[in-house]
Amino acid sequence: MQGVWLNLHDPAFGAYLRAKLRSMILLLWIALFVISLVVLITAARYFTRSAEIIGLTLGMSSFATGVIIVALGTSGSTTGSLFQAIQSIPQEKQ
């Protein structure tokens, strides 16, 4: 009956558990990445379709609506960076 019982203090058993834990964590991160990617794509499709419907309801062409969506999407990060840079400038004392 030797080898039937687990020796929790055996270094090989600890290495085995660490390897299993690493693989489980890797699978968790891969699953999280895939789920996040699906949510991002779904949200982007919903946003663009909704914006196009709103633009057409307001009488705008599909092209103009698309240009506005792209302009807002690309300028958002730039505007945020600009405000962050302005706030980090030290103020002169008078």
N, C-alpha and C. Protein backbone atom coordinates (compact mmCIF):
# COMPACT_ATOMS: atom_id res chain seq x y z
N MET A 1 0.83 -1.20 0.00
CA MET A 1 0.00 0.00 0.00
C MET A 1 0.86 1.25 0.00
N GLN A 2 2.10 1.09 -0.33
CA GLN A 2 2.97 2.24 -0.35
C GLN A 2 2.64 3.10 -1.58
N GLY A 3 2.60 4.42 -1.43
CA GLY A 3 2.31 5.33 -2.52
C GLY A 3 0.85 5.69 -2.65
N VAL A 4 0.00 5.05 -1.85
CA VAL A 4 -1.42 5.35 -1.92
C VAL A 4 -1.72 6.67 -1.21
N TRP A 5 -1.05 6.89 -0.11
CA TRP A 5 -1.28 8.10 0.67
C TRP A 5 -0.46 9.25 0.12
N LEU A 6 -1.04 10.42 0.13
CA LEU A 6 -0.34 11.61 -0.33
C LEU A 6 0.55 12.15 0.77
N ASN A 7 1.76 12.43 0.45
CA ASN A 7 2.67 13.06 1.39
C ASN A 7 2.69 14.55 1.07
N LEU A 8 2.01 15.32 1.88
CA LEU A 8 1.87 16.75 1.64
C LEU A 8 3.19 17.50 1.81
N HIS A 9 4.15 16.89 2.47
CA HIS A 9 5.43 17.55 2.70
C HIS A 9 6.47 17.17 1.63
N ASP A 10 6.08 16.38 0.67
CA ASP A 10 6.98 15.96 -0.40
C ASP A 10 7.19 17.14 -1.36
N PRO A 11 8.43 17.54 -1.65
CA PRO A 11 8.69 18.67 -2.56
C PRO A 11 8.12 18.44 -3.96
N ALA A 12 8.07 17.21 -4.41
CA ALA A 12 7.51 16.93 -5.73
C ALA A 12 6.02 17.22 -5.76
N PHE A 13 5.33 16.94 -4.66
CA PHE A 13 3.90 17.22 -4.60
C PHE A 13 3.65 18.73 -4.62
N GLY A 14 4.49 19.50 -3.92
CA GLY A 14 4.36 20.95 -3.93
C GLY A 14 4.61 21.53 -5.32
N ALA A 15 5.60 20.99 -6.02
CA ALA A 15 5.87 21.44 -7.38
C ALA A 15 4.70 21.12 -8.30
N TYR A 16 4.12 19.95 -8.11
CA TYR A 16 2.95 19.55 -8.90
C TYR A 16 1.79 20.52 -8.68
N LEU A 17 1.53 20.87 -7.42
CA LEU A 17 0.44 21.80 -7.11
C LEU A 17 0.71 23.18 -7.69
N ARG A 18 1.97 23.64 -7.61
CA ARG A 18 2.29 24.95 -8.17
C ARG A 18 2.09 24.96 -9.69
N ALA A 19 2.47 23.89 -10.36
CA ALA A 19 2.30 23.80 -11.81
C ALA A 19 0.82 23.80 -12.18
N LYS A 20 0.02 23.06 -11.43
CA LYS A 20 -1.42 23.02 -11.68
C LYS A 20 -2.04 24.40 -11.45
N LEU A 21 -1.61 25.07 -10.39
CA LEU A 21 -2.14 26.39 -10.07
C LEU A 21 -1.78 27.39 -11.17
N ARG A 22 -0.55 27.33 -11.66
CA ARG A 22 -0.15 28.22 -12.74
C ARG A 22 -0.98 28.00 -13.99
N SER A 23 -1.22 26.75 -14.33
CA SER A 23 -2.01 26.46 -15.53
C SER A 23 -3.46 26.91 -15.35
N MET A 24 -4.00 26.77 -14.14
CA MET A 24 -5.37 27.22 -13.88
C MET A 24 -5.46 28.74 -13.96
N ILE A 25 -4.46 29.44 -13.44
CA ILE A 25 -4.45 30.89 -13.51
C ILE A 25 -4.32 31.36 -14.95
N LEU A 26 -3.48 30.69 -15.73
CA LEU A 26 -3.34 31.04 -17.14
C LEU A 26 -4.67 30.85 -17.88
N LEU A 27 -5.36 29.74 -17.62
CA LEU A 27 -6.66 29.52 -18.25
C LEU A 27 -7.67 30.57 -17.82
N LEU A 28 -7.62 30.99 -16.57
CA LEU A 28 -8.51 32.04 -16.08
C LEU A 28 -8.27 33.35 -16.82
N TRP A 29 -6.99 33.72 -17.00
CA TRP A 29 -6.67 34.96 -17.71
C TRP A 29 -7.07 34.88 -19.19
N ILE A 30 -6.88 33.73 -19.81
CA ILE A 30 -7.30 33.57 -21.21
C ILE A 30 -8.81 33.71 -21.32
N ALA A 31 -9.54 33.09 -20.41
CA ALA A 31 -11.01 33.19 -20.43
C ALA A 31 -11.46 34.63 -20.19
N LEU A 32 -10.81 35.32 -19.28
CA LEU A 32 -11.14 36.72 -19.01
C LEU A 32 -10.88 37.59 -20.23
N PHE A 33 -9.77 37.32 -20.93
CA PHE A 33 -9.45 38.06 -22.14
C PHE A 33 -10.51 37.85 -23.23
N VAL A 34 -10.91 36.60 -23.43
CA VAL A 34 -11.91 36.29 -24.46
C VAL A 34 -13.25 36.93 -24.12
N ILE A 35 -13.66 36.84 -22.88
CA ILE A 35 -14.92 37.45 -22.44
C ILE A 35 -14.87 38.97 -22.63
N SER A 36 -13.75 39.59 -22.27
CA SER A 36 -13.61 41.04 -22.42
C SER A 36 -13.65 41.44 -23.89
N LEU A 37 -13.03 40.65 -24.74
CA LEU A 37 -13.03 40.95 -26.17
C LEU A 37 -14.44 40.86 -26.74
N VAL A 38 -15.20 39.85 -26.34
CA VAL A 38 -16.58 39.70 -26.81
C VAL A 38 -17.43 40.87 -26.34
N VAL A 39 -17.28 41.27 -25.09
CA VAL A 39 -18.04 42.41 -24.55
C VAL A 39 -17.67 43.69 -25.28
N LEU A 40 -16.38 43.90 -25.55
CA LEU A 40 -15.94 45.09 -26.26
C LEU A 40 -16.52 45.17 -27.66
N ILE A 41 -16.48 44.07 -28.40
CA ILE A 41 -17.00 44.05 -29.77
C ILE A 41 -18.52 44.26 -29.77
N THR A 42 -19.21 43.62 -28.83
CA THR A 42 -20.66 43.78 -28.74
C THR A 42 -21.03 45.22 -28.40
N ALA A 43 -20.33 45.82 -27.47
CA ALA A 43 -20.61 47.20 -27.09
C ALA A 43 -20.32 48.16 -28.24
N ALA A 44 -19.25 47.91 -28.99
CA ALA A 44 -18.92 48.78 -30.12
C ALA A 44 -19.99 48.71 -31.20
N ARG A 45 -20.46 47.49 -31.47
CA ARG A 45 -21.54 47.34 -32.47
C ARG A 45 -22.80 48.05 -32.01
N TYR A 46 -23.17 47.89 -30.75
CA TYR A 46 -24.36 48.53 -30.21
C TYR A 46 -24.23 50.06 -30.27
N PHE A 47 -23.05 50.56 -29.92
CA PHE A 47 -22.82 52.01 -29.94
C PHE A 47 -22.93 52.58 -31.34
N THR A 48 -22.30 51.94 -32.32
CA THR A 48 -22.33 52.48 -33.68
C THR A 48 -23.72 52.37 -34.29
N ARG A 49 -24.41 51.28 -34.05
CA ARG A 49 -25.78 51.17 -34.58
C ARG A 49 -26.70 52.20 -33.95
N SER A 50 -26.57 52.39 -32.64
CA SER A 50 -27.41 53.39 -31.96
C SER A 50 -27.10 54.79 -32.44
N ALA A 51 -25.82 55.09 -32.63
CA ALA A 51 -25.44 56.42 -33.10
C ALA A 51 -25.95 56.65 -34.52
N GLU A 52 -25.91 55.63 -35.36
CA GLU A 52 -26.41 55.78 -36.73
C GLU A 52 -27.92 56.02 -36.73
N ILE A 53 -28.64 55.30 -35.88
CA ILE A 53 -30.09 55.50 -35.78
C ILE A 53 -30.41 56.91 -35.31
N ILE A 54 -29.66 57.39 -34.31
CA ILE A 54 -29.89 58.75 -33.81
C ILE A 54 -29.57 59.77 -34.90
N GLY A 55 -28.46 59.55 -35.62
CA GLY A 55 -28.09 60.48 -36.69
C GLY A 55 -29.12 60.51 -37.81
N LEU A 56 -29.61 59.35 -38.20
CA LEU A 56 -30.63 59.32 -39.25
C LEU A 56 -31.94 59.93 -38.78
N THR A 57 -32.26 59.77 -37.50
CA THR A 57 -33.46 60.39 -36.95
C THR A 57 -33.34 61.91 -36.97
N LEU A 58 -32.13 62.42 -36.78
CA LEU A 58 -31.91 63.87 -36.81
C LEU A 58 -31.75 64.39 -38.23
N GLY A 59 -31.79 63.51 -39.22
CA GLY A 59 -31.71 63.94 -40.61
C GLY A 59 -30.29 64.02 -41.15
N MET A 60 -29.33 63.44 -40.45
CA MET A 60 -27.95 63.46 -40.92
C MET A 60 -27.71 62.26 -41.84
N SER A 61 -26.73 62.39 -42.71
CA SER A 61 -26.37 61.26 -43.56
C SER A 61 -25.57 60.24 -42.75
N SER A 62 -25.50 59.01 -43.26
CA SER A 62 -24.73 57.96 -42.58
C SER A 62 -23.25 58.33 -42.53
N PHE A 63 -22.76 58.98 -43.59
CA PHE A 63 -21.35 59.39 -43.64
C PHE A 63 -21.04 60.40 -42.54
N ALA A 64 -21.89 61.41 -42.41
CA ALA A 64 -21.66 62.44 -41.39
C ALA A 64 -21.71 61.84 -39.99
N THR A 65 -22.64 60.95 -39.77
CA THR A 65 -22.73 60.29 -38.47
C THR A 65 -21.48 59.48 -38.19
N GLY A 66 -20.98 58.75 -39.18
CA GLY A 66 -19.76 57.96 -39.01
C GLY A 66 -18.55 58.82 -38.73
N VAL A 67 -18.47 59.96 -39.43
CA VAL A 67 -17.33 60.87 -39.21
C VAL A 67 -17.37 61.42 -37.78
N ILE A 68 -18.53 61.75 -37.29
CA ILE A 68 -18.65 62.28 -35.93
C ILE A 68 -18.27 61.20 -34.91
N ILE A 69 -18.70 59.96 -35.14
CA ILE A 69 -18.36 58.87 -34.22
C ILE A 69 -16.84 58.67 -34.18
N VAL A 70 -16.21 58.66 -35.34
CA VAL A 70 -14.75 58.48 -35.39
C VAL A 70 -14.05 59.67 -34.74
N ALA A 71 -14.54 60.87 -34.98
CA ALA A 71 -13.92 62.06 -34.39
C ALA A 71 -14.01 62.03 -32.87
N LEU A 72 -15.16 61.67 -32.34
CA LEU A 72 -15.31 61.60 -30.88
C LEU A 72 -14.48 60.46 -30.29
N GLY A 73 -14.42 59.35 -30.99
CA GLY A 73 -13.67 58.20 -30.48
C GLY A 73 -12.18 58.44 -30.44
N THR A 74 -11.66 59.15 -31.44
CA THR A 74 -10.22 59.39 -31.47
C THR A 74 -9.80 60.60 -30.67
N SER A 75 -10.69 61.55 -30.48
CA SER A 75 -10.29 62.75 -29.74
C SER A 75 -10.47 62.58 -28.24
N GLY A 76 -11.19 61.58 -27.81
CA GLY A 76 -11.43 61.40 -26.38
C GLY A 76 -10.16 61.15 -25.59
N SER A 77 -9.33 60.25 -26.09
CA SER A 77 -8.08 59.95 -25.37
C SER A 77 -7.12 61.13 -25.44
N THR A 78 -7.11 61.82 -26.56
CA THR A 78 -6.24 62.99 -26.71
C THR A 78 -6.66 64.10 -25.75
N THR A 79 -7.95 64.32 -25.65
CA THR A 79 -8.46 65.36 -24.74
C THR A 79 -8.13 65.01 -23.29
N GLY A 80 -8.29 63.75 -22.94
CA GLY A 80 -7.95 63.33 -21.57
C GLY A 80 -6.48 63.52 -21.27
N SER A 81 -5.62 63.19 -22.23
CA SER A 81 -4.18 63.38 -22.04
C SER A 81 -3.84 64.86 -21.91
N LEU A 82 -4.51 65.69 -22.69
CA LEU A 82 -4.27 67.13 -22.64
C LEU A 82 -4.63 67.69 -21.27
N PHE A 83 -5.80 67.32 -20.74
CA PHE A 83 -6.20 67.81 -19.42
C PHE A 83 -5.26 67.31 -18.33
N GLN A 84 -4.80 66.07 -18.43
CA GLN A 84 -3.86 65.53 -17.45
C GLN A 84 -2.54 66.30 -17.50
N ALA A 85 -2.07 66.63 -18.70
CA ALA A 85 -0.82 67.39 -18.84
C ALA A 85 -0.98 68.79 -18.27
N ILE A 86 -2.12 69.41 -18.50
CA ILE A 86 -2.35 70.77 -17.98
C ILE A 86 -2.39 70.75 -16.46
N GLN A 87 -3.00 69.74 -15.88
CA GLN A 87 -3.09 69.68 -14.42
C GLN A 87 -1.74 69.40 -13.76
N SER A 88 -0.82 68.77 -14.49
CA SER A 88 0.47 68.44 -13.88
C SER A 88 1.49 69.57 -14.00
N ILE A 89 1.13 70.67 -14.68
CA ILE A 89 2.05 71.81 -14.78
C ILE A 89 2.08 72.52 -13.44
N PRO A 90 3.28 72.73 -12.87
CA PRO A 90 3.35 73.43 -11.57
C PRO A 90 2.95 74.90 -11.74
N GLN A 91 2.23 75.40 -10.76
CA GLN A 91 1.77 76.79 -10.79
C GLN A 91 2.86 77.70 -10.24
N GLU A 92 3.02 78.84 -10.89
CA GLU A 92 4.00 79.83 -10.43
C GLU A 92 3.41 80.60 -9.26
N LYS A 93 4.27 80.85 -8.26
CA LYS A 93 3.82 81.64 -7.11
C LYS A 93 4.16 83.09 -7.36
N GLN A 94 3.25 83.96 -6.98
CA GLN A 94 3.46 85.39 -7.21
C GLN A 94 3.94 86.10 -5.98
